[in-house]
Protein backbone atom coordinates (compact mmCIF):
# COMPACT_ATOMS: atom_id res chain seq x y z
CA UNK A 1 12.04 18.33 25.57
CA UNK A 2 11.85 17.41 21.88
CA UNK A 3 14.81 18.45 19.76
CA UNK A 4 14.31 20.61 16.68
CA UNK A 5 15.88 19.20 13.51
CA UNK A 6 16.43 21.33 10.41
CA UNK A 7 16.62 19.30 7.20
CA UNK A 8 18.47 22.07 5.39
CA UNK A 9 18.83 23.19 1.77
CA UNK A 10 17.47 20.15 -0.11
CA UNK A 11 18.56 19.60 -3.69
CA UNK A 12 14.82 19.47 -4.45
CA UNK A 13 11.70 19.03 -2.34
CA UNK A 14 8.11 18.02 -3.09
CA UNK A 15 6.57 20.88 -1.13
CA UNK A 16 5.66 24.52 -1.52
CA UNK A 17 7.67 27.31 0.14
CA UNK A 18 10.23 24.90 1.59
CA UNK A 19 13.18 25.46 -0.74
CA UNK A 20 15.53 25.88 2.23
CA UNK A 21 14.16 22.87 4.07
CA UNK A 22 11.86 21.87 6.89
CA UNK A 23 12.02 21.91 10.67
CA UNK A 24 10.88 18.91 12.68
CA UNK A 25 10.12 18.80 16.38
CA UNK A 26 9.01 15.56 18.00
CA UNK A 27 6.90 13.69 15.47
CA UNK A 28 5.67 16.78 13.60
CA UNK A 29 6.74 19.18 10.91
CA UNK A 30 6.74 22.56 12.65
CA UNK A 31 8.15 24.93 10.03
CA UNK A 32 8.78 25.24 6.30
CA UNK A 33 11.83 27.31 5.45
CA UNK A 34 11.50 29.34 2.25
CA UNK A 35 14.30 30.20 -0.16
CA UNK A 36 16.78 32.62 1.42
CA UNK A 37 15.34 32.22 4.92
CA UNK A 38 16.40 30.46 8.12
CA UNK A 39 14.27 28.88 10.84
CA UNK A 40 12.52 31.35 13.10
CA UNK A 41 13.63 29.71 16.35
CA UNK A 42 16.59 27.82 17.77
CA UNK A 43 17.69 24.56 16.12
CA UNK A 44 19.26 21.62 17.95
CA UNK A 45 20.51 19.69 14.94
CA UNK A 46 21.04 20.43 11.25
CA UNK A 47 21.00 17.74 8.57
CA UNK A 48 22.57 18.96 5.35
CA UNK A 49 20.26 17.78 2.55
CA UNK A 50 21.99 19.66 -0.25
CA UNK A 51 22.70 16.37 -2.04
CA UNK A 52 19.21 14.92 -1.49
CA UNK A 53 15.76 15.04 -3.02
CA UNK A 54 13.19 15.25 -0.20
CA UNK A 55 9.74 13.67 -0.48
CA UNK A 56 6.89 13.04 1.90
CA UNK A 57 7.15 9.41 2.92
CA UNK A 58 5.66 7.22 0.18
CA UNK A 59 2.41 5.46 1.11
CA UNK A 60 1.57 1.96 -0.11
CA UNK A 61 -2.20 1.42 -0.35
CA UNK A 62 -2.35 -2.26 -1.31
CA UNK A 63 -0.10 -5.24 -0.65
CA UNK A 64 -0.07 -8.90 0.40
CA UNK A 65 3.04 -9.32 2.55
CA UNK A 66 2.84 -13.12 2.68
CA UNK A 67 3.24 -13.36 -1.09
CA UNK A 68 6.94 -12.51 -0.81
CA UNK A 69 7.31 -16.25 -0.16
CA UNK A 70 6.04 -17.15 -3.65
CA UNK A 71 7.86 -14.79 -5.97
CA UNK A 72 8.43 -16.16 -9.47
CA UNK A 73 6.68 -19.36 -8.40
CA UNK A 74 6.90 -21.90 -11.26
CA UNK A 75 3.26 -23.05 -11.33
CA UNK A 76 2.00 -19.45 -11.37
CA UNK A 77 4.08 -18.09 -14.24
CA UNK A 78 2.53 -16.71 -17.42
CA UNK A 79 -1.08 -16.83 -16.23
CA UNK A 80 -3.97 -14.38 -15.89
CA UNK A 81 -5.64 -13.67 -12.54
CA UNK A 82 -8.06 -16.58 -12.03
CA UNK A 83 -5.71 -19.42 -13.09
CA UNK A 84 -2.87 -17.62 -11.31
CA UNK A 85 -4.86 -17.56 -8.07
CA UNK A 86 -6.01 -21.16 -8.43
CA UNK A 87 -2.43 -22.35 -8.78
CA UNK A 88 -1.31 -20.41 -5.69
CA UNK A 89 -4.18 -21.08 -3.28
CA UNK A 90 -2.93 -24.65 -2.87
CA UNK A 91 0.44 -23.22 -1.86
CA UNK A 92 -0.80 -20.49 0.45
CA UNK A 93 -3.02 -22.90 2.40
CA UNK A 94 0.22 -24.21 3.99
CA UNK A 95 1.25 -20.84 5.49
CA UNK A 96 2.17 -20.93 9.19
CA UNK A 97 3.00 -18.38 11.88
CA UNK A 98 6.75 -18.31 11.20
CA UNK A 99 6.11 -17.72 7.52
CA UNK A 100 3.81 -14.80 8.29
CA UNK A 101 6.38 -13.25 10.62
CA UNK A 102 9.31 -13.46 8.22
CA UNK A 103 7.35 -12.53 5.10
CA UNK A 104 5.93 -9.48 6.86
CA UNK A 105 9.35 -8.41 8.10
CA UNK A 106 10.97 -8.74 4.69
CA UNK A 107 8.11 -6.92 2.94
CA UNK A 108 8.17 -4.00 5.38
CA UNK A 109 11.96 -3.71 5.17
CA UNK A 110 11.82 -3.73 1.38
CA UNK A 111 9.20 -1.00 1.41
CA UNK A 112 11.07 1.07 3.98
CA UNK A 113 14.30 0.97 1.98
CA UNK A 114 12.40 2.31 -1.04
CA UNK A 115 11.14 5.39 0.83
CA UNK A 116 7.82 4.00 2.07
CA UNK A 117 6.74 5.13 5.55
CA UNK A 118 3.14 3.85 5.69
CA UNK A 119 2.00 0.49 4.38
CA UNK A 120 -1.41 -1.10 4.06
CA UNK A 121 -1.56 -4.87 3.81
CA UNK A 122 -4.49 -7.03 2.73
CA UNK A 123 -4.15 -10.41 4.43
CA UNK A 124 -6.99 -12.80 3.69
CA UNK A 125 -5.45 -16.30 4.03
CA UNK A 126 -6.63 -17.89 7.27
CA UNK A 127 -6.71 -21.60 8.05
CA UNK A 128 -7.30 -23.78 11.11
CA UNK A 129 -3.58 -23.55 11.90
CA UNK A 130 -3.24 -19.84 11.14
CA UNK A 131 -5.81 -17.63 12.84
CA UNK A 132 -3.61 -14.83 14.24
CA UNK A 133 -1.88 -13.53 11.11
CA UNK A 134 -2.88 -9.89 11.74
CA UNK A 135 -1.53 -10.03 15.30
CA UNK A 136 1.81 -11.26 13.97
CA UNK A 137 1.92 -8.55 11.31
CA UNK A 138 1.18 -5.86 13.87
CA UNK A 139 3.98 -7.08 16.14
CA UNK A 140 6.48 -6.90 13.26
CA UNK A 141 5.34 -3.40 12.28
CA UNK A 142 5.79 -2.20 15.85
CA UNK A 143 9.19 -3.90 16.03
CA UNK A 144 10.35 -1.92 12.98
CA UNK A 145 8.52 1.30 13.87
CA UNK A 146 6.60 1.29 10.60
CA UNK A 147 3.25 3.02 10.24
CA UNK A 148 0.66 0.45 9.09
CA UNK A 149 -2.98 0.19 8.09
CA UNK A 150 -3.62 -3.54 8.29
CA UNK A 151 -6.77 -4.90 6.74
CA UNK A 152 -8.56 -7.91 8.18
CA UNK A 153 -9.14 -9.75 4.94
CA UNK A 154 -11.39 -12.76 4.65
CA UNK A 155 -12.71 -15.46 2.37
CA UNK A 156 -16.00 -17.24 3.06
CA UNK A 157 -17.11 -18.40 -0.39
CA UNK A 158 -15.19 -21.56 -1.19
CA UNK A 159 -15.36 -23.85 -4.20
CA UNK A 160 -18.15 -25.88 -2.57
CA UNK A 161 -20.33 -22.77 -2.68
CA UNK A 162 -19.37 -21.57 -6.15
CA UNK A 163 -16.37 -19.45 -5.14
CA UNK A 164 -12.78 -19.57 -6.36
CA UNK A 165 -10.70 -20.51 -3.27
CA UNK A 166 -10.48 -24.04 -1.82
CA UNK A 167 -12.36 -24.80 1.40
CA UNK A 168 -9.07 -25.03 3.33
CA UNK A 169 -8.65 -21.23 3.29
CA UNK A 170 -12.21 -20.06 3.90
CA UNK A 171 -13.72 -19.32 7.31
CA UNK A 172 -17.23 -19.24 8.72
CA UNK A 173 -18.67 -15.75 8.55
CA UNK A 174 -19.29 -15.42 12.28
CA UNK A 175 -15.67 -16.36 12.99
CA UNK A 176 -14.55 -13.63 10.59
CA UNK A 177 -16.84 -11.00 12.08
CA UNK A 178 -15.94 -11.86 15.69
CA UNK A 179 -12.22 -11.70 14.92
CA UNK A 180 -12.70 -8.41 13.09
CA UNK A 181 -14.22 -6.83 16.20
CA UNK A 182 -11.44 -8.31 18.37
CA UNK A 183 -8.75 -6.76 16.18
CA UNK A 184 -10.48 -3.38 16.09
CA UNK A 185 -10.71 -3.25 19.88
CA UNK A 186 -7.14 -4.42 20.36
CA UNK A 187 -5.22 -2.41 17.77
CA UNK A 188 -7.13 0.34 16.00
CA UNK A 189 -5.92 3.84 16.84
CA UNK A 190 -8.02 6.88 15.97
CA UNK A 191 -5.79 9.77 17.02
CA UNK A 192 -3.71 11.88 14.63
CA UNK A 193 -0.35 10.24 14.04
CA UNK A 194 -1.77 6.74 14.56
CA UNK A 195 0.83 4.05 13.96
CA UNK A 196 -1.58 1.09 13.98
CA UNK A 197 -4.94 0.97 12.24
CA UNK A 198 -7.38 -1.77 11.27
CA UNK A 199 -9.63 -1.91 8.20
CA UNK A 200 -12.18 -4.57 7.24
CA UNK A 201 -11.45 -6.15 3.88
CA UNK A 202 -13.43 -9.10 2.52
CA UNK A 203 -11.15 -10.31 -0.25
CA UNK A 204 -13.23 -10.02 -3.44
CA UNK A 205 -16.66 -10.75 -4.91
CA UNK A 206 -15.48 -14.18 -6.05
CA UNK A 207 -14.33 -15.27 -2.57
CA UNK A 208 -16.88 -13.87 -0.09
CA UNK A 209 -20.64 -13.99 0.27
CA UNK A 210 -22.98 -11.03 -0.09
CA UNK A 211 -23.90 -11.43 3.58
CA UNK A 212 -20.27 -11.02 4.68
CA UNK A 213 -19.93 -7.85 2.59
CA UNK A 214 -23.07 -6.40 4.19
CA UNK A 215 -22.16 -7.38 7.75
CA UNK A 216 -18.61 -6.05 7.34
CA UNK A 217 -20.04 -2.72 6.21
CA UNK A 218 -22.24 -2.62 9.32
CA UNK A 219 -19.29 -3.20 11.66
CA UNK A 220 -17.17 -0.63 9.83
CA UNK A 221 -19.91 1.97 10.15
CA UNK A 222 -20.36 1.17 13.82
CA UNK A 223 -16.65 1.69 14.54
CA UNK A 224 -16.13 4.44 11.93
CA UNK A 225 -13.66 2.32 9.97
CA UNK A 226 -12.68 2.19 6.33
CA UNK A 227 -13.47 -0.72 4.00
CA UNK A 228 -11.27 -2.31 1.37
CA UNK A 229 -11.60 -5.02 -1.28
CA UNK A 230 -10.45 -6.04 -4.75
CA UNK A 231 -12.84 -4.90 -7.46
CA UNK A 232 -13.02 -4.80 -11.25
CA UNK A 233 -9.48 -6.11 -11.67
CA UNK A 234 -10.32 -8.36 -14.63
CA UNK A 235 -13.11 -9.13 -17.09
CA UNK A 236 -13.35 -12.59 -15.47
CA UNK A 237 -14.37 -10.91 -12.21
CA UNK A 238 -17.06 -8.89 -13.98
CA UNK A 239 -18.44 -12.04 -15.58
CA UNK A 240 -18.36 -13.85 -12.22
CA UNK A 241 -20.41 -11.08 -10.59
CA UNK A 242 -22.97 -11.14 -13.39
CA UNK A 243 -23.31 -14.91 -13.17
CA UNK A 244 -23.21 -15.27 -9.36
CA UNK A 245 -25.04 -12.12 -8.24
CA UNK A 246 -26.83 -10.94 -11.37
CA UNK A 247 -25.17 -7.51 -11.31
CA UNK A 248 -21.99 -5.68 -12.32
CA UNK A 249 -19.29 -4.89 -9.78
CA UNK A 250 -20.34 -1.33 -8.91
CA UNK A 251 -23.98 -2.38 -8.64
CA UNK A 252 -22.80 -5.09 -6.26
CA UNK A 253 -20.83 -2.52 -4.29
CA UNK A 254 -23.94 -0.38 -3.88
CA UNK A 255 -26.11 -3.40 -3.08
CA UNK A 256 -23.82 -4.30 -0.16
CA UNK A 257 -23.64 -0.71 1.22
CA UNK A 258 -20.04 -0.14 0.17
CA UNK A 259 -20.51 2.73 -2.28
CA UNK A 260 -19.27 5.62 -0.11
CA UNK A 261 -16.19 7.66 0.79
CA UNK A 262 -14.94 5.24 3.45
CA UNK A 263 -14.25 2.59 0.80
CA UNK A 264 -11.15 2.07 -1.30
CA UNK A 265 -10.74 -0.53 -4.02
CA UNK A 266 -7.70 -2.40 -5.27
CA UNK A 267 -7.12 -2.13 -9.04
CA UNK A 268 -10.46 -0.68 -10.22
CA UNK A 269 -9.77 -1.22 -13.92
CA UNK A 270 -12.93 -2.36 -15.70
CA UNK A 271 -15.48 0.35 -14.96
CA UNK A 272 -17.71 1.83 -17.63
CA UNK A 273 -18.44 5.58 -17.89
CA UNK A 274 -21.57 5.45 -15.75
CA UNK A 275 -19.79 3.47 -13.04
CA UNK A 276 -16.91 5.94 -12.99
CA UNK A 277 -19.39 8.77 -12.40
CA UNK A 278 -21.02 6.85 -9.56
CA UNK A 279 -17.69 5.98 -7.93
CA UNK A 280 -16.56 9.59 -8.16
CA UNK A 281 -19.80 10.96 -6.74
CA UNK A 282 -19.46 8.56 -3.81
CA UNK A 283 -15.83 9.61 -3.19
CA UNK A 284 -14.44 6.08 -3.45
CA UNK A 285 -10.65 5.61 -3.42
CA UNK A 286 -8.68 3.50 -5.90
CA UNK A 287 -5.37 1.75 -5.23
CA UNK A 288 -3.65 1.76 -8.62
CA UNK A 289 -1.26 -1.20 -8.89
CA UNK A 290 0.52 -0.74 -12.24
CA UNK A 291 3.16 -3.47 -12.12
CA UNK A 292 0.68 -6.11 -11.01
CA UNK A 293 -1.78 -5.00 -13.67
CA UNK A 294 0.90 -5.41 -16.31
CA UNK A 295 2.22 -8.72 -15.01
CA UNK A 296 -1.24 -10.35 -15.00
CA UNK A 297 -2.32 -8.44 -18.14
CA UNK A 298 -5.38 -7.20 -16.25
CA UNK A 299 -5.67 -3.82 -17.96
CA UNK A 300 -5.01 -0.13 -17.28
CA UNK A 301 -6.79 1.80 -14.54
CA UNK A 302 -8.66 4.88 -15.83
CA UNK A 303 -7.01 7.18 -13.31
CA UNK A 304 -7.72 10.60 -14.83
CA UNK A 305 -11.33 9.71 -15.63
CA UNK A 306 -11.84 8.54 -12.06
CA UNK A 307 -10.18 11.65 -10.62
CA UNK A 308 -12.25 13.94 -12.83
CA UNK A 309 -15.38 12.23 -11.52
CA UNK A 310 -14.30 12.78 -7.89
CA UNK A 311 -12.54 9.55 -6.93
CA UNK A 312 -9.10 9.55 -5.27
CA UNK A 313 -6.09 7.73 -6.71
CA UNK A 314 -3.27 6.20 -4.66
CA UNK A 315 -0.49 3.74 -5.47
CA UNK A 316 -0.05 0.14 -4.31
CA UNK A 317 2.71 -2.35 -5.06
CA UNK A 318 0.25 -5.25 -4.68
CA UNK A 319 1.39 -8.69 -3.56
CA UNK A 320 4.90 -9.78 -4.34
CA UNK A 321 3.59 -12.75 -6.31
CA UNK A 322 1.94 -10.48 -8.88
CA UNK A 323 4.63 -7.81 -8.76
CA UNK A 324 7.56 -9.87 -7.48
CA UNK A 325 8.91 -6.76 -5.84
CA UNK A 326 7.80 -4.22 -3.25
CA UNK A 327 9.70 -1.09 -4.21
CA UNK A 328 7.53 2.00 -3.84
CA UNK A 329 9.67 4.52 -5.73
CA UNK A 330 9.89 2.10 -8.66
CA UNK A 331 6.14 1.57 -8.50
CA UNK A 332 5.63 5.32 -8.87
CA UNK A 333 7.78 5.19 -12.00
CA UNK A 334 5.66 2.34 -13.38
CA UNK A 335 2.48 4.27 -12.62
CA UNK A 336 3.77 7.28 -14.52
CA UNK A 337 4.77 5.27 -17.59
CA UNK A 338 1.71 3.02 -17.73
CA UNK A 339 -0.65 5.97 -17.38
CA UNK A 340 1.24 7.89 -20.08
CA UNK A 341 0.34 5.07 -22.47
CA UNK A 342 -3.31 5.85 -21.81
CA UNK A 343 -3.38 9.62 -21.35
CA UNK A 344 -0.18 10.98 -22.87
CA UNK A 345 3.08 12.34 -21.47
CA UNK A 346 1.87 15.91 -20.94
CA UNK A 347 -1.03 14.86 -18.71
CA UNK A 348 0.89 12.38 -16.54
CA UNK A 349 3.81 14.36 -15.14
CA UNK A 350 6.40 13.13 -12.67
CA UNK A 351 4.91 15.48 -10.07
CA UNK A 352 1.47 13.94 -10.54
CA UNK A 353 2.78 10.40 -10.15
CA UNK A 354 4.66 11.35 -6.98
CA UNK A 355 1.56 13.02 -5.55
CA UNK A 356 -0.48 9.88 -6.23
CA UNK A 357 1.97 7.97 -4.01
CA UNK A 358 1.95 10.57 -1.23
CA UNK A 359 -1.00 12.93 -0.87
CA UNK A 360 -3.28 10.73 -2.98
CA UNK A 361 -2.42 7.54 -1.14
CA UNK A 362 -2.99 9.25 2.21
CA UNK A 363 -6.48 10.29 1.11
CA UNK A 364 -7.18 6.76 -0.12
CA UNK A 365 -6.32 5.46 3.37
CA UNK A 366 -8.55 8.17 4.89
CA UNK A 367 -5.59 9.90 6.54
CA UNK A 368 -5.13 13.69 6.68
CA UNK A 369 -2.01 13.67 8.87
CA UNK A 370 0.48 12.14 6.43
CA UNK A 371 1.39 12.25 2.75
CA UNK A 372 2.31 15.92 2.47
CA UNK A 373 5.05 18.21 3.76
CA UNK A 374 3.11 20.87 5.67
CA UNK A 375 3.24 22.39 9.13
CA UNK A 376 1.39 20.19 11.60
CA UNK A 377 1.68 17.00 9.57
CA UNK A 378 3.55 13.91 10.69
CA UNK A 379 7.30 14.00 10.04
CA UNK A 380 7.35 11.07 7.61
CA UNK A 381 10.12 11.92 5.14
CA UNK A 382 12.15 10.10 2.48
CA UNK A 383 15.46 11.42 1.16
CA UNK A 384 17.04 10.16 -2.08
CA UNK A 385 20.58 10.87 -3.28
CA UNK A 386 21.34 11.06 -6.98
CA UNK A 387 24.84 9.59 -6.75
CA UNK A 388 24.37 6.34 -8.67
CA UNK A 389 25.50 5.88 -12.26
CA UNK A 390 22.03 6.18 -13.80
CA UNK A 391 21.70 9.76 -12.51
CA UNK A 392 24.89 11.06 -14.10
CA UNK A 393 24.01 13.85 -16.51
CA UNK A 394 20.53 14.48 -15.06
CA UNK A 395 19.39 18.09 -14.64
CA UNK A 396 15.99 18.21 -12.90
CA UNK A 397 16.49 16.36 -9.57
CA UNK A 398 12.81 15.68 -8.86
CA UNK A 399 12.17 14.38 -12.37
CA UNK A 400 15.37 12.33 -12.26
CA UNK A 401 14.01 10.24 -9.38
CA UNK A 402 11.50 8.64 -11.73
CA UNK A 403 12.99 9.17 -15.19
CA UNK A 404 16.42 7.83 -14.26
CA UNK A 405 15.07 5.09 -12.01
CA UNK A 406 15.69 5.65 -8.30
CA UNK A 407 15.41 2.41 -6.36
CA UNK A 408 16.65 3.08 -2.84
CA UNK A 409 16.23 5.87 -0.31
CA UNK A 410 19.30 7.14 1.50
CA UNK A 411 17.42 8.27 4.59
CA UNK A 412 13.88 7.64 5.84
CA UNK A 413 12.17 9.22 8.83
CA UNK A 414 8.91 8.08 10.44
CA UNK A 415 7.20 10.20 13.11
CA UNK A 416 10.34 12.28 13.53
CA UNK A 417 12.72 9.34 14.00
CA UNK A 418 15.30 8.15 11.50
CA UNK A 419 14.61 4.57 10.43
CA UNK A 420 17.01 4.41 7.48
CA UNK A 421 20.46 6.02 7.47
CA UNK A 422 22.90 5.73 4.57
CA UNK A 423 20.62 3.25 2.86
CA UNK A 424 20.48 0.85 5.80
CA UNK A 425 17.70 0.21 8.32
CA UNK A 426 18.77 1.07 11.86
CA UNK A 427 19.32 -1.95 14.13
CA UNK A 428 18.37 -4.33 11.35
CA UNK A 429 20.65 -6.86 9.65
CA UNK A 430 19.17 -7.29 6.18
CA UNK A 431 21.30 -10.29 5.29
CA UNK A 432 19.89 -12.22 8.26
CA UNK A 433 16.34 -11.20 7.34
CA UNK A 434 16.86 -12.47 3.79
CA UNK A 435 18.39 -15.74 5.01
CA UNK A 436 15.51 -16.48 7.38
CA UNK A 437 12.89 -15.43 4.83
CA UNK A 438 14.46 -17.64 2.14
CA UNK A 439 14.40 -20.60 4.54
CA UNK A 440 10.66 -20.08 5.09
CA UNK A 441 10.05 -19.88 1.33
CA UNK A 442 11.88 -23.18 0.86
CA UNK A 443 9.90 -24.75 3.70
CA UNK A 444 6.65 -23.66 2.06
CA UNK A 445 7.74 -25.12 -1.28
CA UNK A 446 8.64 -28.41 0.41
CA UNK A 447 5.22 -28.61 2.08
CA UNK A 448 3.55 -28.37 -1.31
CA UNK A 449 5.93 -30.70 -3.12
């Protein structure tokens, strides 16, 4: 029988009526314990959380795991999106299976240590020598016990056809569609508490054809899947769509049958007022990636305008070559501060930023079983201690997580099982992971140079 765990008396908790903690049985939250109360039935184990801030597990809605191999890459420094991509495509075309394995493992470990329990990755680099990247990623996620929503990215519009990427990293459309169906049938889980899910994700308007967008939407509808792509990240992208397709990005989204509530978009910065209304009415989700947007000087997502219109906002760390890190709790801090520049401090509270990364991100990924501490939800929990020097003198524990700059979770639970204890991943030697990952990064650099 499943044991009942009481996470007792948290210093603070992002939940209602759970001041004295939560009870977990199996993979679920089964009881919230209000102030002054005790659990209503027998408990097998008590974890004293009186020195910890308790959050729902943070949920990352947009990433590119493989890009951990090209952090602070010399040829890509100090550039905006299009020249940045052009300089890196010629590097990424040399990715191999070992590089995918080790980059995925390092990215997931980095996320996990920062309190992330569910991660979505957008992998779109496929070559003749690398056709099984998603299979490798899924094996690593299962090895670590991480909850993942992996997107089968794709690029079919190469430079020969007026696109941005080189021909070496584009695939024929039928190959992409056939592999998408294969991955859906092999991995996609539909039950509550799913650990492995697949989403279809043509990379962007400047790297795929209209036909691939339309056919991907058909397959997604047939299998009741979500759709994901980059959209409206930069003005360059808007101009590309106008020149190539004769329409703005949201018009293009509607033209390809993507303007609906099963779609979420990475970045979503350069929308006008009418487009925001249309996106909201359709219930589209937006993965806000603040650090990446600042690093590439792409702009600031209009989060509150989009929410007011009916869209959902989640948080994504984006690829580690446009963020150069994959720390979810720090990304929440960046989201709060960047959005305060646009909307003011009183409208962008620490609670709002945290809810974007939990409840909001879950809705973006079309999940109703994670992202919130409630009875019946999955027991995905992150605990943070405030015992580092930057927290000394802080008074509001929940606010201190962001204002004082938390960077590492002390404990992390996924589906009722501890994955991080005392700031270390169970059965995982981080130093060895870093050593092997660094070797793969050096090998990639040598292939290019």
